Amino acid sequence: MNSSFDWITKGSNYIEKEKLAKALSIFNEVIKKDPENIRAWLFRSEVELLQKKYREAFKSLKTVINLDPGHVEAWINMGNTYRELAGVRRGKILEKNGPKSLIHFKFTPNEIKLLNQSLKSFNRALKLQENHENALMGKSGVLLSLEKYQETIETFDLLIKHHPGSRHYFHALIGKANALKHINEKRKAKKILKEVKKKSPKNSDVHKMAEMALKYL
C-alpha cells in the first residue's frame, strides 16, 4: 500500500468501523507527506468532528477551502461543524433529562450566531451545487433550530422533491411535520407522520421518531 489513495481508503474504512484514532493517524501521515492533499484534510475534519474537536475541524476545513474555495463537501462539513458546536448544550440537556426537557429550550445569542454561520456555509454549498442532498438536509435542520419554519418547510420540500429515494427522505418528512406543528398546521403534520410510520420499517429509527413526534404533536 504505497499511494495516498490507498491510505486514505484505509483511513475511511477505519471511520466506518469507528476506529477514529487509527483513522486520524493515517490522515495525519498522508498530510505530513502531502500537505495539499485535499481528501486527507477533508477526512481528517470528519474524524475531528466525530471526536468533537471543533477547533481542529475548523482548521482542517479552512485548509481545504484555501486549497479549493469551490469544494462543496468542505462547505457542508463547515456547516455541520458550526451546527454541532451550537448544539452542544442542547445535547447535554437532552441526554440528561430526555425529550420533554427541550419543549421550552431556547438557543443563546452566541449559539444563534453559530447557527447563522452554519446556515451561510450550507447556502455556499448550495450555490456551488444546487439542491445538493446533504446541504439541503443541513440547511433545513438549521432553519428549524432558528425557528424559521416557512423556510424550513420550503427547504425540506426541495429535498423531498429532488431526492425521493435518499437516506434522508423520511427524516425530511419528519422535519417538515415538526415545522408544520409550529405554524399550527397540526393536521398536515399528523398526516405526514402517519405516512412515515406506514412506509418505514417498523423497528427503524425513523419509525420510532415518527411515533415520538406523534406523541408530542
Protein backbone atom coordinates (compact mmCIF):
# COMPACT_ATOMS: atom_id res chain seq x y z
CA MET A 1 0.00 0.00 0.00
CA ASN A 2 2.06 2.90 -1.30
CA SER A 3 -0.27 5.52 -2.75
CA SER A 4 -2.05 8.25 -0.83
CA PHE A 5 -5.31 6.99 -2.32
CA ASP A 6 -4.83 3.56 -0.74
CA TRP A 7 -4.00 5.03 2.67
CA ILE A 8 -6.98 7.40 2.57
CA THR A 9 -9.25 4.48 1.64
CA LYS A 10 -7.90 2.55 4.62
CA GLY A 11 -8.49 5.58 6.85
CA SER A 12 -12.07 5.96 5.64
CA ASN A 13 -12.66 2.27 6.41
CA TYR A 14 -11.47 2.92 9.95
CA ILE A 15 -14.05 5.73 10.23
CA GLU A 16 -16.80 3.29 9.24
CA LYS A 17 -15.54 0.88 11.92
CA GLU A 18 -15.48 3.78 14.44
CA LYS A 19 -11.73 3.37 14.95
CA LEU A 20 -11.23 7.11 14.90
CA ALA A 21 -7.76 7.31 16.43
CA LYS A 22 -6.36 4.95 13.79
CA ALA A 23 -8.13 6.89 11.03
CA LEU A 24 -6.75 10.21 12.28
CA SER A 25 -3.24 8.79 12.47
CA ILE A 26 -3.43 7.72 8.82
CA PHE A 27 -4.75 11.07 7.57
CA ASN A 28 -2.09 12.93 9.55
CA GLU A 29 0.60 10.78 7.98
CA VAL A 30 -0.73 11.43 4.46
CA ILE A 31 -0.86 15.18 5.16
CA LYS A 32 2.69 15.11 6.50
CA LYS A 33 3.88 13.67 3.19
CA ASP A 34 1.46 15.64 1.01
CA PRO A 35 0.31 18.90 2.72
CA GLU A 36 -2.00 19.79 -0.17
CA ASN A 37 -3.92 16.51 -0.23
CA ILE A 38 -7.49 17.80 -0.05
CA ARG A 39 -9.11 14.41 0.56
CA ALA A 40 -6.89 13.75 3.56
CA TRP A 41 -7.70 17.15 5.09
CA LEU A 42 -11.42 16.62 4.45
CA PHE A 43 -11.48 13.16 6.03
CA ARG A 44 -9.42 14.49 8.92
CA SER A 45 -12.08 17.15 9.54
CA GLU A 46 -14.76 14.44 9.62
CA VAL A 47 -12.83 12.49 12.26
CA GLU A 48 -12.26 15.64 14.30
CA LEU A 49 -15.97 16.45 14.17
CA LEU A 50 -16.85 12.93 15.31
CA GLN A 51 -14.36 13.37 18.17
CA LYS A 52 -16.00 16.73 18.99
CA LYS A 53 -12.69 18.51 18.38
CA TYR A 54 -14.40 21.50 16.81
CA ARG A 55 -11.44 23.89 16.72
CA GLU A 56 -9.29 21.31 14.94
CA ALA A 57 -12.12 20.51 12.50
CA PHE A 58 -12.44 24.20 11.57
CA LYS A 59 -8.69 24.42 10.92
CA SER A 60 -8.77 21.36 8.66
CA LEU A 61 -11.77 22.66 6.73
CA LYS A 62 -10.26 26.11 6.29
CA THR A 63 -7.20 24.42 4.80
CA VAL A 64 -9.42 22.59 2.28
CA ILE A 65 -11.25 25.79 1.37
CA ASN A 66 -7.98 27.71 0.97
CA LEU A 67 -6.79 25.00 -1.42
CA ASP A 68 -10.15 24.77 -3.22
CA PRO A 69 -12.73 27.52 -2.46
CA GLY A 70 -15.33 25.68 -4.52
CA HIS A 71 -15.18 22.41 -2.60
CA VAL A 72 -18.83 21.59 -1.87
CA GLU A 73 -18.20 18.89 0.74
CA ALA A 74 -15.89 21.20 2.69
CA TRP A 75 -18.61 23.86 2.95
CA ILE A 76 -21.11 21.19 4.03
CA ASN A 77 -18.73 19.92 6.69
CA MET A 78 -18.18 23.51 7.80
CA GLY A 79 -21.94 23.90 8.19
CA ASN A 80 -22.16 20.66 10.15
CA THR A 81 -19.32 21.73 12.45
CA TYR A 82 -20.92 25.09 13.28
CA ARG A 83 -24.24 23.34 13.84
CA GLU A 84 -22.75 20.66 16.10
CA LEU A 85 -20.96 23.31 18.15
CA ALA A 86 -24.17 25.31 18.53
CA GLY A 87 -26.00 22.22 19.78
CA VAL A 88 -23.56 21.05 22.46
CA ARG A 89 -25.57 22.46 25.38
CA ARG A 90 -28.84 21.21 23.91
CA GLY A 91 -27.39 17.73 23.51
CA LYS A 92 -26.29 17.61 27.15
CA ILE A 93 -29.77 18.64 28.32
CA LEU A 94 -31.38 16.00 26.10
CA GLU A 95 -29.02 13.28 27.32
CA LYS A 96 -29.57 14.17 30.97
CA ASN A 97 -33.31 14.91 31.06
CA GLY A 98 -34.91 13.42 27.94
CA PRO A 99 -37.00 14.91 25.09
CA LYS A 100 -39.56 16.64 27.34
CA SER A 101 -36.82 18.89 28.73
CA LEU A 102 -36.43 20.51 25.29
CA ILE A 103 -40.02 21.70 24.95
CA HIS A 104 -39.12 25.21 26.14
CA PHE A 105 -35.46 25.13 25.10
CA LYS A 106 -34.00 28.32 23.62
CA PHE A 107 -30.62 28.85 22.00
CA THR A 108 -28.36 31.53 23.49
CA PRO A 109 -27.31 34.56 21.36
CA ASN A 110 -23.87 33.01 20.86
CA GLU A 111 -25.40 29.70 19.77
CA ILE A 112 -27.64 31.58 17.32
CA LYS A 113 -24.53 33.22 15.83
CA LEU A 114 -23.04 29.77 15.30
CA LEU A 115 -26.28 28.57 13.67
CA ASN A 116 -26.23 31.56 11.31
CA GLN A 117 -22.63 30.72 10.38
CA SER A 118 -23.78 27.18 9.72
CA LEU A 119 -26.59 28.45 7.51
CA LYS A 120 -24.13 30.58 5.49
CA SER A 121 -21.94 27.54 4.93
CA PHE A 122 -24.82 25.39 3.69
CA ASN A 123 -26.01 28.21 1.43
CA ARG A 124 -22.50 28.48 -0.02
CA ALA A 125 -22.55 24.75 -0.76
CA LEU A 126 -25.96 25.06 -2.44
CA LYS A 127 -24.73 27.96 -4.53
CA LEU A 128 -21.91 25.73 -5.76
CA GLN A 129 -24.19 22.72 -6.31
CA GLU A 130 -27.91 23.37 -6.46
CA ASN A 131 -30.16 21.00 -4.50
CA HIS A 132 -27.25 19.03 -3.02
CA GLU A 133 -28.86 16.43 -0.73
CA ASN A 134 -26.64 16.83 2.33
CA ALA A 135 -26.59 20.62 2.04
CA LEU A 136 -30.39 20.76 1.88
CA MET A 137 -30.69 18.45 4.88
CA GLY A 138 -28.20 20.51 6.88
CA LYS A 139 -29.79 23.81 5.92
CA SER A 140 -33.32 22.67 6.78
CA GLY A 141 -32.17 21.48 10.21
CA VAL A 142 -30.53 24.82 10.95
CA LEU A 143 -33.58 26.76 9.78
CA LEU A 144 -35.72 24.64 12.10
CA SER A 145 -33.41 25.45 15.01
CA LEU A 146 -33.62 29.16 14.12
CA GLU A 147 -37.43 28.87 14.15
CA LYS A 148 -37.71 29.96 10.52
CA TYR A 149 -40.49 27.50 9.94
CA GLN A 150 -41.75 28.52 6.50
CA GLU A 151 -38.22 28.47 5.07
CA THR A 152 -37.70 25.11 6.79
CA ILE A 153 -40.74 23.64 5.05
CA GLU A 154 -39.64 25.01 1.67
CA THR A 155 -36.15 23.54 2.06
CA PHE A 156 -37.44 20.14 3.18
CA ASP A 157 -39.79 20.19 0.18
CA LEU A 158 -36.81 20.66 -2.15
CA LEU A 159 -35.09 17.67 -0.57
CA ILE A 160 -38.24 15.54 -0.78
CA LYS A 161 -38.76 16.54 -4.42
CA HIS A 162 -35.21 16.05 -5.68
CA HIS A 163 -34.13 13.10 -3.51
CA PRO A 164 -37.22 10.89 -3.02
CA GLY A 165 -35.24 7.67 -2.57
CA SER A 166 -32.48 9.06 -0.41
CA ARG A 167 -31.49 8.06 3.13
CA HIS A 168 -32.71 11.49 4.26
CA TYR A 169 -36.21 11.13 2.79
CA PHE A 170 -38.10 10.02 5.90
CA HIS A 171 -36.07 12.37 8.13
CA ALA A 172 -37.09 15.21 5.83
CA LEU A 173 -40.75 14.29 6.16
CA ILE A 174 -40.46 14.19 9.96
CA GLY A 175 -38.65 17.54 9.95
CA LYS A 176 -41.34 19.07 7.74
CA ALA A 177 -44.03 17.77 10.11
CA ASN A 178 -42.20 19.35 13.04
CA ALA A 179 -42.12 22.71 11.26
CA LEU A 180 -45.80 22.43 10.34
CA LYS A 181 -46.64 21.81 14.00
CA HIS A 182 -45.03 25.12 14.94
CA ILE A 183 -47.20 27.06 12.49
CA ASN A 184 -50.37 25.36 13.79
CA GLU A 185 -50.73 23.03 10.82
CA LYS A 186 -51.06 20.01 13.09
CA ARG A 187 -53.48 18.14 10.84
CA LYS A 188 -50.97 18.20 7.97
CA ALA A 189 -48.17 17.25 10.33
CA LYS A 190 -50.14 14.28 11.67
CA LYS A 191 -50.86 13.05 8.14
CA ILE A 192 -47.16 13.14 7.22
CA LEU A 193 -46.08 11.35 10.39
CA LYS A 194 -48.65 8.61 9.86
CA GLU A 195 -47.31 8.21 6.32
CA VAL A 196 -43.78 7.78 7.66
CA LYS A 197 -44.97 5.18 10.16
CA LYS A 198 -46.80 3.29 7.43
CA LYS A 199 -43.94 3.27 4.91
CA SER A 200 -40.87 2.91 7.16
CA PRO A 201 -39.63 -0.40 8.63
CA LYS A 202 -41.32 -1.00 11.98
CA ASN A 203 -38.20 -1.19 14.15
CA SER A 204 -36.26 1.50 12.31
CA ASP A 205 -35.09 4.75 13.89
CA VAL A 206 -37.35 6.84 11.63
CA HIS A 207 -40.37 4.74 12.60
CA LYS A 208 -39.62 5.38 16.28
CA MET A 209 -39.02 9.08 15.59
CA ALA A 210 -42.40 9.34 13.85
CA GLU A 211 -44.10 7.63 16.79
CA MET A 212 -42.47 10.02 19.25
CA ALA A 213 -43.34 13.04 17.11
CA LEU A 214 -46.98 11.94 17.02
CA LYS A 215 -46.92 11.54 20.79
CA TYR A 216 -45.78 15.16 21.28
CA LEU A 217 -47.87 16.64 18.46
